PDB file of N, CA and C in Angstrom:
ATOM      1  N   MET A   1      -0.134 -11.999 -13.545  1.00  0.00           N
ATOM      2  CA  MET A   1       1.289 -12.067 -13.323  1.00  0.00           C
ATOM      3  C   MET A   1       1.824 -10.961 -12.488  1.00  0.00           C
ATOM      4  N   TRP A   2       1.399  -9.690 -12.790  1.00  0.00           N
ATOM      5  CA  TRP A   2       1.846  -8.594 -12.185  1.00  0.00           C
ATOM      6  C   TRP A   2       1.581  -8.661 -10.855  1.00  0.00           C
ATOM      7  N   PHE A   3       0.351  -9.006 -10.449  1.00  0.00           N
ATOM      8  CA  PHE A   3      -0.105  -9.092  -9.080  1.00  0.00           C
ATOM      9  C   PHE A   3       0.663 -10.061  -8.200  1.00  0.00           C
ATOM     10  N   GLU A   4       0.986 -11.178  -8.849  1.00  0.00           N
ATOM     11  CA  GLU A   4       1.797 -12.273  -8.196  1.00  0.00           C
ATOM     12  C   GLU A   4       3.211 -11.692  -7.834  1.00  0.00           C
ATOM     13  N   LYS A   5       3.857 -10.966  -8.612  1.00  0.00           N
ATOM     14  CA  LYS A   5       5.142 -10.334  -8.411  1.00  0.00           C
ATOM     15  C   LYS A   5       4.999  -9.215  -7.356  1.00  0.00           C
ATOM     16  N   PHE A   6       3.970  -8.438  -7.490  1.00  0.00           N
ATOM     17  CA  PHE A   6       3.682  -7.479  -6.511  1.00  0.00           C
ATOM     18  C   PHE A   6       3.500  -7.929  -5.121  1.00  0.00           C
ATOM     19  N   SER A   7       2.481  -8.998  -4.958  1.00  0.00           N
ATOM     20  CA  SER A   7       2.320  -9.493  -3.679  1.00  0.00           C
ATOM     21  C   SER A   7       3.499 -10.156  -3.018  1.00  0.00           C
ATOM     22  N   THR A   8       4.386 -10.900  -3.905  1.00  0.00           N
ATOM     23  CA  THR A   8       5.597 -11.526  -3.343  1.00  0.00           C
ATOM     24  C   THR A   8       6.667 -10.537  -2.915  1.00  0.00           C
ATOM     25  N   THR A   9       6.602  -9.329  -3.585  1.00  0.00           N
ATOM     26  CA  THR A   9       7.469  -8.246  -3.209  1.00  0.00           C
ATOM     27  C   THR A   9       7.033  -7.678  -1.875  1.00  0.00           C
ATOM     28  N   LEU A  10       5.777  -7.521  -1.659  1.00  0.00           N
ATOM     29  CA  LEU A  10       5.328  -6.834  -0.415  1.00  0.00           C
ATOM     30  C   LEU A  10       5.419  -7.997   0.807  1.00  0.00           C
ATOM     31  N   LEU A  11       5.269  -9.179   0.549  1.00  0.00           N
ATOM     32  CA  LEU A  11       5.512 -10.211   1.488  1.00  0.00           C
ATOM     33  C   LEU A  11       7.039 -10.161   1.950  1.00  0.00           C
ATOM     34  N   GLY A  12       7.849  -9.940   1.070  1.00  0.00           N
ATOM     35  CA  GLY A  12       9.344  -9.813   1.321  1.00  0.00           C
ATOM     36  C   GLY A  12       9.648  -8.633   2.062  1.00  0.00           C
ATOM     37  N   PHE A  13       8.712  -7.579   2.041  1.00  0.00           N
ATOM     38  CA  PHE A  13       8.920  -6.361   2.917  1.00  0.00           C
ATOM     39  C   PHE A  13       8.194  -6.547   4.247  1.00  0.00           C
ATOM     40  N   SER A  14       7.836  -7.698   4.646  1.00  0.00           N
ATOM     41  CA  SER A  14       7.219  -7.996   5.972  1.00  0.00           C
ATOM     42  C   SER A  14       5.758  -7.570   6.049  1.00  0.00           C
ATOM     43  N   PHE A  15       5.177  -7.534   4.850  1.00  0.00           N
ATOM     44  CA  PHE A  15       3.732  -7.255   4.868  1.00  0.00           C
ATOM     45  C   PHE A  15       2.962  -8.605   5.105  1.00  0.00           C
ATOM     46  N   ILE A  16       1.745  -8.678   5.556  1.00  0.00           N
ATOM     47  CA  ILE A  16       0.885  -9.884   5.688  1.00  0.00           C
ATOM     48  C   ILE A  16      -0.250  -9.579   4.793  1.00  0.00           C
ATOM     49  N   GLN A  17      -0.490 -10.641   4.041  1.00  0.00           N
ATOM     50  CA  GLN A  17      -1.607 -10.566   3.063  1.00  0.00           C
ATOM     51  C   GLN A  17      -2.908 -10.962   3.791  1.00  0.00           C
ATOM     52  N   SER A  18      -3.912 -10.155   3.661  1.00  0.00           N
ATOM     53  CA  SER A  18      -5.161 -10.432   4.377  1.00  0.00           C
ATOM     54  C   SER A  18      -5.837 -11.978   3.776  1.00  0.00           C
ATOM     55  N   SER A  19      -6.244 -12.793   4.707  1.00  0.00           N
ATOM     56  CA  SER A  19      -6.943 -13.947   4.276  1.00  0.00           C
ATOM     57  C   SER A  19      -8.306 -13.684   3.737  1.00  0.00           C
ATOM     58  N   TYR A  20      -8.903 -12.484   4.056  1.00  0.00           N
ATOM     59  CA  TYR A  20     -10.156 -12.127   3.735  1.00  0.00           C
ATOM     60  C   TYR A  20     -10.305 -11.531   2.283  1.00  0.00           C
ATOM     61  N   ASP A  21      -9.267 -10.623   2.043  1.00  0.00           N
ATOM     62  CA  ASP A  21      -9.220  -9.853   0.765  1.00  0.00           C
ATOM     63  C   ASP A  21      -7.725  -9.974   0.239  1.00  0.00           C
ATOM     64  N   PRO A  22      -7.409 -10.776  -0.619  1.00  0.00           N
ATOM     65  CA  PRO A  22      -6.050 -10.803  -1.156  1.00  0.00           C
ATOM     66  C   PRO A  22      -5.329  -9.615  -1.763  1.00  0.00           C
ATOM     67  N   SER A  23      -6.181  -8.535  -1.848  1.00  0.00           N
ATOM     68  CA  SER A  23      -5.581  -7.272  -2.269  1.00  0.00           C
ATOM     69  C   SER A  23      -5.308  -6.259  -1.142  1.00  0.00           C
ATOM     70  N   LEU A  24      -5.532  -6.669   0.046  1.00  0.00           N
ATOM     71  CA  LEU A  24      -5.203  -6.029   1.226  1.00  0.00           C
ATOM     72  C   LEU A  24      -3.983  -6.481   1.956  1.00  0.00           C
ATOM     73  N   PHE A  25      -3.012  -5.584   2.213  1.00  0.00           N
ATOM     74  CA  PHE A  25      -1.799  -6.047   2.881  1.00  0.00           C
ATOM     75  C   PHE A  25      -1.602  -5.063   4.038  1.00  0.00           C
ATOM     76  N   LEU A  26      -1.072  -5.771   5.235  1.00  0.00           N
ATOM     77  CA  LEU A  26      -0.868  -5.066   6.445  1.00  0.00           C
ATOM     78  C   LEU A  26       0.640  -5.219   6.935  1.00  0.00           C
ATOM     79  N   GLN A  27       1.152  -4.151   7.589  1.00  0.00           N
ATOM     80  CA  GLN A  27       2.516  -4.271   8.112  1.00  0.00           C
ATOM     81  C   GLN A  27       2.443  -3.535   9.485  1.00  0.00           C
ATOM     82  N   ARG A  28       2.711  -4.262  10.491  1.00  0.00           N
ATOM     83  CA  ARG A  28       2.847  -3.630  11.764  1.00  0.00           C
ATOM     84  C   ARG A  28       4.282  -3.200  12.070  1.00  0.00           C
ATOM     85  N   THR A  29       4.280  -2.030  12.560  1.00  0.00           N
ATOM     86  CA  THR A  29       5.737  -1.430  12.927  1.00  0.00           C
ATOM     87  C   THR A  29       5.849  -1.123  14.378  1.00  0.00           C
ATOM     88  N   SER A  30       7.011  -0.828  14.857  1.00  0.00           N
ATOM     89  CA  SER A  30       7.107  -0.262  16.208  1.00  0.00           C
ATOM     90  C   SER A  30       6.378   1.011  16.436  1.00  0.00           C
ATOM     91  N   LYS A  31       6.024   1.692  15.424  1.00  0.00           N
ATOM     92  CA  LYS A  31       5.428   3.024  15.538  1.00  0.00           C
ATOM     93  C   LYS A  31       3.886   3.093  15.133  1.00  0.00           C
ATOM     94  N   GLY A  32       3.442   1.912  14.679  1.00  0.00           N
ATOM     95  CA  GLY A  32       2.173   1.898  14.288  1.00  0.00           C
ATOM     96  C   GLY A  32       1.759   0.716  13.109  1.00  0.00           C
ATOM     97  N   ILE A  33       1.052   1.045  12.067  1.00  0.00           N
ATOM     98  CA  ILE A  33       0.661   0.143  11.099  1.00  0.00           C
ATOM     99  C   ILE A  33       0.688   0.854   9.721  1.00  0.00           C
ATOM    100  N   VAL A  34       0.855   0.072   8.710  1.00  0.00           N
ATOM    101  CA  VAL A  34       0.758   0.434   7.295  1.00  0.00           C
ATOM    102  C   VAL A  34      -0.206  -0.474   6.616  1.00  0.00           C
ATOM    103  N   ILE A  35      -1.113   0.125   5.905  1.00  0.00           N
ATOM    104  CA  ILE A  35      -2.139  -0.554   5.298  1.00  0.00           C
ATOM    105  C   ILE A  35      -2.089  -0.230   3.740  1.00  0.00           C
ATOM    106  N   LEU A  36      -1.942  -1.223   2.894  1.00  0.00           N
ATOM    107  CA  LEU A  36      -1.757  -1.058   1.459  1.00  0.00           C
ATOM    108  C   LEU A  36      -2.880  -1.878   0.867  1.00  0.00           C
ATOM    109  N   LEU A  37      -3.786  -1.170  -0.137  1.00  0.00           N
ATOM    110  CA  LEU A  37      -4.855  -1.880  -0.677  1.00  0.00           C
ATOM    111  C   LEU A  37      -4.731  -1.565  -2.310  1.00  0.00           C
ATOM    112  N   VAL A  38      -4.764  -2.696  -2.954  1.00  0.00           N
ATOM    113  CA  VAL A  38      -4.548  -2.698  -4.469  1.00  0.00           C
ATOM    114  C   VAL A  38      -5.977  -2.809  -5.085  1.00  0.00           C
ATOM    115  N   TYR A  39      -6.183  -1.918  -5.939  1.00  0.00           N
ATOM    116  CA  TYR A  39      -7.572  -1.912  -6.768  1.00  0.00           C
ATOM    117  C   TYR A  39      -7.157  -1.739  -8.236  1.00  0.00           C
ATOM    118  N   VAL A  40      -7.261  -2.743  -9.025  1.00  0.00           N
ATOM    119  CA  VAL A  40      -6.878  -2.746 -10.449  1.00  0.00           C
ATOM    120  C   VAL A  40      -5.528  -2.339 -10.551  1.00  0.00           C
ATOM    121  N   ASP A  41      -5.206  -1.063 -11.024  1.00  0.00           N
ATOM    122  CA  ASP A  41      -3.826  -0.501 -11.123  1.00  0.00           C
ATOM    123  C   ASP A  41      -3.638   0.648 -10.136  1.00  0.00           C
ATOM    124  N   ASP A  42      -4.554   0.789  -9.160  1.00  0.00           N
ATOM    125  CA  ASP A  42      -4.187   1.930  -8.204  1.00  0.00           C
ATOM    126  C   ASP A  42      -3.915   1.275  -6.819  1.00  0.00           C
ATOM    127  N   ILE A  43      -3.037   1.837  -6.087  1.00  0.00           N
ATOM    128  CA  ILE A  43      -2.614   1.338  -4.903  1.00  0.00           C
ATOM    129  C   ILE A  43      -2.757   2.444  -3.764  1.00  0.00           C
ATOM    130  N   ILE A  44      -3.471   2.205  -2.794  1.00  0.00           N
ATOM    131  CA  ILE A  44      -3.737   3.090  -1.680  1.00  0.00           C
ATOM    132  C   ILE A  44      -2.752   2.715  -0.518  1.00  0.00           C
ATOM    133  N   VAL A  45      -1.980   3.622  -0.006  1.00  0.00           N
ATOM    134  CA  VAL A  45      -1.145   3.337   1.157  1.00  0.00           C
ATOM    135  C   VAL A  45      -1.558   4.320   2.221  1.00  0.00           C
ATOM    136  N   ILE A  46      -1.928   3.849   3.480  1.00  0.00           N
ATOM    137  CA  ILE A  46      -2.265   4.588   4.579  1.00  0.00           C
ATOM    138  C   ILE A  46      -1.737   3.936   5.758  1.00  0.00           C
ATOM    139  N   GLY A  47      -1.807   4.747   6.900  1.00  0.00           N
ATOM    140  CA  GLY A  47      -1.332   4.075   8.133  1.00  0.00           C
ATOM    141  C   GLY A  47      -0.887   5.233   9.088  1.00  0.00           C
ATOM    142  N   SER A  48      -0.474   4.789  10.283  1.00  0.00           N
ATOM    143  CA  SER A  48      -0.056   5.757  11.441  1.00  0.00           C
ATOM    144  C   SER A  48       1.406   5.768  11.509  1.00  0.00           C
ATOM    145  N   ASP A  49       2.260   5.148  10.586  1.00  0.00           N
ATOM    146  CA  ASP A  49       3.631   5.286  10.636  1.00  0.00           C
ATOM    147  C   ASP A  49       4.158   5.840   9.432  1.00  0.00           C
ATOM    148  N   GLN A  50       4.316   7.196   9.340  1.00  0.00           N
ATOM    149  CA  GLN A  50       4.580   7.973   8.254  1.00  0.00           C
ATOM    150  C   GLN A  50       6.019   7.547   7.702  1.00  0.00           C
ATOM    151  N   GLU A  51       6.879   7.328   8.477  1.00  0.00           N
ATOM    152  CA  GLU A  51       8.228   6.821   8.099  1.00  0.00           C
ATOM    153  C   GLU A  51       8.268   5.555   7.280  1.00  0.00           C
ATOM    154  N   ALA A  52       7.402   4.560   7.782  1.00  0.00           N
ATOM    155  CA  ALA A  52       7.245   3.248   7.113  1.00  0.00           C
ATOM    156  C   ALA A  52       6.560   3.525   5.792  1.00  0.00           C
ATOM    157  N   ILE A  53       5.528   4.307   5.744  1.00  0.00           N
ATOM    158  CA  ILE A  53       4.808   4.636   4.503  1.00  0.00           C
ATOM    159  C   ILE A  53       5.775   5.166   3.377  1.00  0.00           C
ATOM    160  N   THR A  54       6.697   6.083   3.866  1.00  0.00           N
ATOM    161  CA  THR A  54       7.547   6.720   2.935  1.00  0.00           C
ATOM    162  C   THR A  54       8.570   5.574   2.470  1.00  0.00           C
ATOM    163  N   THR A  55       9.030   4.849   3.382  1.00  0.00           N
ATOM    164  CA  THR A  55       9.902   3.655   2.949  1.00  0.00           C
ATOM    165  C   THR A  55       9.334   2.765   2.001  1.00  0.00           C
ATOM    166  N   ILE A  56       8.064   2.337   2.239  1.00  0.00           N
ATOM    167  CA  ILE A  56       7.475   1.341   1.319  1.00  0.00           C
ATOM    168  C   ILE A  56       7.279   1.987  -0.010  1.00  0.00           C
ATOM    169  N   LYS A  57       7.037   3.259  -0.132  1.00  0.00           N
ATOM    170  CA  LYS A  57       6.622   3.947  -1.359  1.00  0.00           C
ATOM    171  C   LYS A  57       7.962   3.993  -2.225  1.00  0.00           C
ATOM    172  N   GLN A  58       9.065   4.258  -1.466  1.00  0.00           N
ATOM    173  CA  GLN A  58      10.327   4.196  -2.168  1.00  0.00           C
ATOM    174  C   GLN A  58      10.817   2.833  -2.697  1.00  0.00           C
ATOM    175  N   LEU A  59      10.600   1.859  -1.853  1.00  0.00           N
ATOM    176  CA  LEU A  59      10.954   0.517  -2.189  1.00  0.00           C
ATOM    177  C   LEU A  59      10.108   0.057  -3.385  1.00  0.00           C
ATOM    178  N   LEU A  60       8.774   0.349  -3.413  1.00  0.00           N
ATOM    179  CA  LEU A  60       8.000  -0.037  -4.484  1.00  0.00           C
ATOM    180  C   LEU A  60       8.335   0.709  -5.778  1.00  0.00           C
ATOM    181  N   HIS A  61       8.781   1.956  -5.576  1.00  0.00           N
ATOM    182  CA  HIS A  61       9.040   2.754  -6.870  1.00  0.00           C
ATOM    183  C   HIS A  61      10.442   2.243  -7.518  1.00  0.00           C
ATOM    184  N   THR A  62      11.266   1.644  -6.535  1.00  0.00           N
ATOM    185  CA  THR A  62      12.545   1.088  -7.222  1.00  0.00           C
ATOM    186  C   THR A  62      12.207  -0.298  -7.833  1.00  0.00           C
ATOM    187  N   THR A  63      11.239  -0.918  -7.444  1.00  0.00           N
ATOM    188  CA  THR A  63      10.873  -2.341  -8.015  1.00  0.00           C
ATOM    189  C   THR A  63       9.911  -2.187  -9.158  1.00  0.00           C
ATOM    190  N   PHE A  64       8.979  -1.280  -9.096  1.00  0.00           N
ATOM    191  CA  PHE A  64       7.872  -1.195 -10.172  1.00  0.00           C
ATOM    192  C   PHE A  64       7.923   0.290 -10.757  1.00  0.00           C
ATOM    193  N   HIS A  65       7.464   0.420 -12.040  1.00  0.00           N
ATOM    194  CA  HIS A  65       7.238   1.745 -12.571  1.00  0.00           C
ATOM    195  C   HIS A  65       5.976   2.309 -11.970  1.00  0.00           C
ATOM    196  N   MET A  66       6.101   3.254 -11.025  1.00  0.00           N
ATOM    197  CA  MET A  66       4.900   3.748 -10.307  1.00  0.00           C
ATOM    198  C   MET A  66       4.965   5.298 -10.306  1.00  0.00           C
ATOM    199  N   LYS A  67       3.900   5.928 -10.049  1.00  0.00           N
ATOM    200  CA  LYS A  67       3.837   7.341  -9.791  1.00  0.00           C
ATOM    201  C   LYS A  67       2.962   7.620  -8.656  1.00  0.00           C
ATOM    202  N   ASP A  68       3.511   8.503  -7.697  1.00  0.00           N
ATOM    203  CA  ASP A  68       2.729   8.967  -6.638  1.00  0.00           C
ATOM    204  C   ASP A  68       1.688   9.902  -6.933  1.00  0.00           C
ATOM    205  N   LEU A  69       0.464   9.870  -6.816  1.00  0.00           N
ATOM    206  CA  LEU A  69      -0.513  10.779  -7.232  1.00  0.00           C
ATOM    207  C   LEU A  69      -0.928  11.826  -5.998  1.00  0.00           C
ATOM    208  N   GLY A  70      -0.180  11.594  -4.917  1.00  0.00           N
ATOM    209  CA  GLY A  70      -0.376  12.571  -3.806  1.00  0.00           C
ATOM    210  C   GLY A  70      -1.475  11.965  -2.828  1.00  0.00           C
ATOM    211  N   GLN A  71      -1.994  12.796  -1.990  1.00  0.00           N
ATOM    212  CA  GLN A  71      -2.976  12.697  -1.064  1.00  0.00           C
ATOM    213  C   GLN A  71      -4.306  12.147  -1.782  1.00  0.00           C
ATOM    214  N   LEU A  72      -4.944  11.052  -1.255  1.00  0.00           N
ATOM    215  CA  LEU A  72      -6.200  10.421  -1.733  1.00  0.00           C
ATOM    216  C   LEU A  72      -7.279  11.438  -1.478  1.00  0.00           C
ATOM    217  N   THR A  73      -8.041  11.805  -2.679  1.00  0.00           N
ATOM    218  CA  THR A  73      -9.259  12.608  -2.465  1.00  0.00           C
ATOM    219  C   THR A  73     -10.461  11.915  -2.920  1.00  0.00           C
ATOM    220  N   TYR A  74     -10.385  11.029  -3.886  1.00  0.00           N
ATOM    221  CA  TYR A  74     -11.557  10.254  -4.387  1.00  0.00           C
ATOM    222  C   TYR A  74     -11.149   8.867  -4.526  1.00  0.00           C
ATOM    223  N   PHE A  75     -12.071   7.857  -4.258  1.00  0.00           N
ATOM    224  CA  PHE A  75     -11.720   6.535  -4.481  1.00  0.00           C
ATOM    225  C   PHE A  75     -13.058   5.803  -4.750  1.00  0.00           C
ATOM    226  N   LEU A  76     -13.167   5.197  -5.985  1.00  0.00           N
ATOM    227  CA  LEU A  76     -14.348   4.573  -6.364  1.00  0.00           C
ATOM    228  C   LEU A  76     -15.514   5.447  -6.381  1.00  0.00           C
ATOM    229  N   GLY A  77     -15.300   6.607  -6.643  1.00  0.00           N
ATOM    230  CA  GLY A  77     -16.397   7.569  -6.716  1.00  0.00           C
ATOM    231  C   GLY A  77     -16.808   8.280  -5.481  1.00  0.00           C
ATOM    232  N   LEU A  78     -16.090   7.928  -4.409  1.00  0.00           N
ATOM    233  CA  LEU A  78     -16.465   8.448  -3.108  1.00  0.00           C
ATOM    234  C   LEU A  78     -15.346   9.482  -2.701  1.00  0.00           C
ATOM    235  N   GLU A  79     -15.694  10.669  -2.178  1.00  0.00           N
ATOM    236  CA  GLU A  79     -14.832  11.599  -1.742  1.00  0.00           C
ATOM    237  C   GLU A  79     -14.208  11.169  -0.318  1.00  0.00           C
ATOM    238  N   VAL A  80     -12.874  11.298  -0.191  1.00  0.00           N
ATOM    239  CA  VAL A  80     -12.112  10.893   0.990  1.00  0.00           C
ATOM    240  C   VAL A  80     -11.718  12.222   1.631  1.00  0.00           C
ATOM    241  N   GLN A  81     -11.989  12.436   2.962  1.00  0.00           N
ATOM    242  CA  GLN A  81     -11.412  13.429   3.763  1.00  0.00           C
ATOM    243  C   GLN A  81     -10.701  13.009   4.871  1.00  0.00           C
ATOM    244  N   PHE A  82      -9.604  13.609   5.186  1.00  0.00           N
ATOM    245  CA  PHE A  82      -8.787  13.182   6.329  1.00  0.00           C
ATOM    246  C   PHE A  82      -8.873  14.323   7.359  1.00  0.00           C
ATOM    247  N   GLN A  83      -9.082  13.959   8.645  1.00  0.00           N
ATOM    248  CA  GLN A  83      -9.105  14.953   9.722  1.00  0.00           C
ATOM    249  C   GLN A  83      -8.043  14.821  10.795  1.00  0.00           C
TER     250      GLN A  83
END
C-alpha cells in the first residue's frame, strides 16, 4: 500500500517508472536527470540536476515522513564513492 502511494506521488511529480524495475524512477529536466531508487524503506536520489534533486526531496518530505541521511556512503554492503 505504501509503495503504491509513493509511486503514484512520483508519477504526479513527472517521474517515469522503469518498465524493467518498478522501484526505479527517472525524471528528465532541462538541466539533466534525476534518478530515484527505492529499496525496502530506503530511497536513493541521484542525478545531474541538483536543483531538481532538492525540490523532489522537499516534496517527498512534505508528503511522507522521511529523514535525509545525507550523502550515500554504503548501499547493500557496497561502499559508494563519488568523484
